Amino acid sequence: MPRIYKPLPGQSLEAEKALNVFNANTLRAAVIRDLAQRPDGDTTGNIAKRIGVDYRQVYTHIKTLEAEGLVCAAGEAGVRNGRRVRYSVDLGRLRELGLTYLRYLSGE
């Protein structure tokens, strides 16, 4: 059974309502939003500190997002440097997936 997360600090009431309407995972949404605000990407530890959760929770969502091509590790595809891996979000892919979902909901 999927976990339901409480609203995260700084989340607007409108955003909370939208996430609830679509039964979205608020933690995954917070990870995507956090990365979208950092063009150079960041580590799971730093993301976790900012959104107030354990880095392992962030890592779990990062791996899912990475598998879907929405998030990638810094550097060449599949290449990681050292223990501190910086992840970034592909904003083009984010828009593409968002529009696909919107078209689906709109009956297109």
C-alpha atoms as a PDB file:
ATOM      1  CA  MET A   1       0.000   0.000   0.000  1.00  0.00           C
ATOM      2  CA  PRO A   2       1.489   3.397  -0.955  1.00  0.00           C
ATOM      3  CA  ARG A   3       2.394   5.791   1.782  1.00  0.00           C
ATOM      4  CA  ILE A   4       0.483   9.045   2.091  1.00  0.00           C
ATOM      5  CA  TYR A   5       2.737  11.926   3.012  1.00  0.00           C
ATOM      6  CA  LYS A   6       1.745  14.999   4.936  1.00  0.00           C
ATOM      7  CA  PRO A   7       2.098  18.385   3.275  1.00  0.00           C
ATOM      8  CA  LEU A   8       5.671  19.566   3.348  1.00  0.00           C
ATOM      9  CA  PRO A   9       6.815  22.887   4.839  1.00  0.00           C
ATOM     10  CA  GLY A  10       6.362  25.757   2.409  1.00  0.00           C
ATOM     11  CA  GLN A  11       3.775  23.914   0.323  1.00  0.00           C
ATOM     12  CA  SER A  12       0.915  26.228  -0.630  1.00  0.00           C
ATOM     13  CA  LEU A  13      -2.659  25.258   0.128  1.00  0.00           C
ATOM     14  CA  GLU A  14      -3.431  25.300  -3.607  1.00  0.00           C
ATOM     15  CA  ALA A  15      -0.546  22.926  -4.336  1.00  0.00           C
ATOM     16  CA  GLU A  16      -1.653  20.656  -1.502  1.00  0.00           C
ATOM     17  CA  LYS A  17      -5.196  20.530  -2.895  1.00  0.00           C
ATOM     18  CA  ALA A  18      -3.972  19.815  -6.437  1.00  0.00           C
ATOM     19  CA  LEU A  19      -1.719  16.999  -5.226  1.00  0.00           C
ATOM     20  CA  ASN A  20      -4.596  15.531  -3.194  1.00  0.00           C
ATOM     21  CA  VAL A  21      -7.056  15.689  -6.089  1.00  0.00           C
ATOM     22  CA  PHE A  22      -4.715  13.626  -8.254  1.00  0.00           C
ATOM     23  CA  ASN A  23      -3.576  11.426  -5.369  1.00  0.00           C
ATOM     24  CA  ALA A  24       0.021  12.470  -6.058  1.00  0.00           C
ATOM     25  CA  ASN A  25       2.875  11.463  -3.806  1.00  0.00           C
ATOM     26  CA  THR A  26       3.747  14.739  -2.084  1.00  0.00           C
ATOM     27  CA  LEU A  27       7.282  13.628  -1.253  1.00  0.00           C
ATOM     28  CA  ARG A  28       8.061  12.708  -4.849  1.00  0.00           C
ATOM     29  CA  ALA A  29       6.557  16.014  -5.976  1.00  0.00           C
ATOM     30  CA  ALA A  30       8.731  17.854  -3.422  1.00  0.00           C
ATOM     31  CA  VAL A  31      11.871  16.104  -4.718  1.00  0.00           C
ATOM     32  CA  ILE A  32      11.042  17.061  -8.314  1.00  0.00           C
ATOM     33  CA  ARG A  33      10.218  20.645  -7.313  1.00  0.00           C
ATOM     34  CA  ASP A  34      13.405  20.988  -5.284  1.00  0.00           C
ATOM     35  CA  LEU A  35      15.552  19.762  -8.171  1.00  0.00           C
ATOM     36  CA  ALA A  36      13.682  21.960 -10.658  1.00  0.00           C
ATOM     37  CA  GLN A  37      14.745  24.983  -8.608  1.00  0.00           C
ATOM     38  CA  ARG A  38      18.432  23.969  -8.804  1.00  0.00           C
ATOM     39  CA  PRO A  39      19.751  23.934 -12.388  1.00  0.00           C
ATOM     40  CA  ASP A  40      23.095  22.501 -11.233  1.00  0.00           C
ATOM     41  CA  GLY A  41      21.364  19.681  -9.359  1.00  0.00           C
ATOM     42  CA  ASP A  42      22.134  18.494  -5.846  1.00  0.00           C
ATOM     43  CA  THR A  43      22.734  15.467  -3.643  1.00  0.00           C
ATOM     44  CA  THR A  44      20.053  13.371  -1.978  1.00  0.00           C
ATOM     45  CA  GLY A  45      21.359  14.505   1.420  1.00  0.00           C
ATOM     46  CA  ASN A  46      20.937  18.200   0.635  1.00  0.00           C
ATOM     47  CA  ILE A  47      17.514  17.654  -0.896  1.00  0.00           C
ATOM     48  CA  ALA A  48      16.446  15.689   2.187  1.00  0.00           C
ATOM     49  CA  LYS A  49      17.595  18.462   4.538  1.00  0.00           C
ATOM     50  CA  ARG A  50      15.663  21.108   2.637  1.00  0.00           C
ATOM     51  CA  ILE A  51      12.403  19.161   2.532  1.00  0.00           C
ATOM     52  CA  GLY A  52      12.745  17.682   6.020  1.00  0.00           C
ATOM     53  CA  VAL A  53      12.937  13.935   5.369  1.00  0.00           C
ATOM     54  CA  ASP A  54      15.553  11.195   5.538  1.00  0.00           C
ATOM     55  CA  TYR A  55      17.970  11.004   2.584  1.00  0.00           C
ATOM     56  CA  ARG A  56      17.030   7.349   2.022  1.00  0.00           C
ATOM     57  CA  GLN A  57      13.460   8.375   1.266  1.00  0.00           C
ATOM     58  CA  VAL A  58      14.728  10.896  -1.269  1.00  0.00           C
ATOM     59  CA  TYR A  59      17.061   8.295  -2.787  1.00  0.00           C
ATOM     60  CA  THR A  60      14.172   5.864  -3.303  1.00  0.00           C
ATOM     61  CA  HIS A  61      12.226   8.461  -5.267  1.00  0.00           C
ATOM     62  CA  ILE A  62      15.320   9.581  -7.193  1.00  0.00           C
ATOM     63  CA  LYS A  63      15.901   6.013  -8.395  1.00  0.00           C
ATOM     64  CA  THR A  64      12.307   5.756  -9.664  1.00  0.00           C
ATOM     65  CA  LEU A  65      12.550   9.146 -11.382  1.00  0.00           C
ATOM     66  CA  GLU A  66      15.931   8.234 -12.857  1.00  0.00           C
ATOM     67  CA  ALA A  67      14.512   5.008 -14.311  1.00  0.00           C
ATOM     68  CA  GLU A  68      11.804   7.063 -16.055  1.00  0.00           C
ATOM     69  CA  GLY A  69      14.322   9.511 -17.517  1.00  0.00           C
ATOM     70  CA  LEU A  70      13.118  12.462 -15.462  1.00  0.00           C
ATOM     71  CA  VAL A  71      16.196  12.686 -13.234  1.00  0.00           C
ATOM     72  CA  CYS A  72      19.813  11.932 -14.050  1.00  0.00           C
ATOM     73  CA  ALA A  73      23.114  11.780 -12.220  1.00  0.00           C
ATOM     74  CA  ALA A  74      25.633  14.511 -12.985  1.00  0.00           C
ATOM     75  CA  GLY A  75      28.190  13.807 -15.683  1.00  0.00           C
ATOM     76  CA  GLU A  76      27.940  11.433 -18.583  1.00  0.00           C
ATOM     77  CA  ALA A  77      24.999   9.068 -18.625  1.00  0.00           C
ATOM     78  CA  GLY A  78      25.532   6.333 -16.071  1.00  0.00           C
ATOM     79  CA  VAL A  79      28.834   7.767 -14.813  1.00  0.00           C
ATOM     80  CA  ARG A  80      29.022   8.823 -11.185  1.00  0.00           C
ATOM     81  CA  ASN A  81      31.944  10.595  -9.569  1.00  0.00           C
ATOM     82  CA  GLY A  82      32.678   9.623  -5.992  1.00  0.00           C
ATOM     83  CA  ARG A  83      30.280   9.081  -3.151  1.00  0.00           C
ATOM     84  CA  ARG A  84      28.406  12.368  -3.501  1.00  0.00           C
ATOM     85  CA  VAL A  85      26.233  12.059  -6.554  1.00  0.00           C
ATOM     86  CA  ARG A  86      24.532  15.196  -7.837  1.00  0.00           C
ATOM     87  CA  TYR A  87      21.171  14.645  -9.467  1.00  0.00           C
ATOM     88  CA  SER A  88      19.314  17.023 -11.738  1.00  0.00           C
ATOM     89  CA  VAL A  89      15.867  17.084 -13.285  1.00  0.00           C
ATOM     90  CA  ASP A  90      15.254  17.204 -17.030  1.00  0.00           C
ATOM     91  CA  LEU A  91      12.798  20.105 -17.244  1.00  0.00           C
ATOM     92  CA  GLY A  92      11.914  19.267 -20.848  1.00  0.00           C
ATOM     93  CA  ARG A  93      10.963  15.733 -19.847  1.00  0.00           C
ATOM     94  CA  LEU A  94       9.024  17.109 -16.850  1.00  0.00           C
ATOM     95  CA  ARG A  95       6.977  19.354 -19.153  1.00  0.00           C
ATOM     96  CA  GLU A  96       6.472  16.505 -21.634  1.00  0.00           C
ATOM     97  CA  LEU A  97       5.147  14.148 -18.952  1.00  0.00           C
ATOM     98  CA  GLY A  98       2.982  16.878 -17.429  1.00  0.00           C
ATOM     99  CA  LEU A  99       1.418  17.697 -20.793  1.00  0.00           C
ATOM    100  CA  THR A 100       0.864  14.018 -21.551  1.00  0.00           C
ATOM    101  CA  TYR A 101      -0.987  13.634 -18.252  1.00  0.00           C
ATOM    102  CA  LEU A 102      -3.021  16.787 -18.871  1.00  0.00           C
ATOM    103  CA  ARG A 103      -3.994  15.589 -22.363  1.00  0.00           C
ATOM    104  CA  TYR A 104      -5.024  12.223 -20.931  1.00  0.00           C
ATOM    105  CA  LEU A 105      -7.177  13.877 -18.262  1.00  0.00           C
ATOM    106  CA  SER A 106      -8.705  16.167 -20.896  1.00  0.00           C
ATOM    107  CA  GLY A 107      -9.831  13.175 -22.962  1.00  0.00           C
ATOM    108  CA  GLU A 108      -7.464  13.720 -25.879  1.00  0.00           C
END
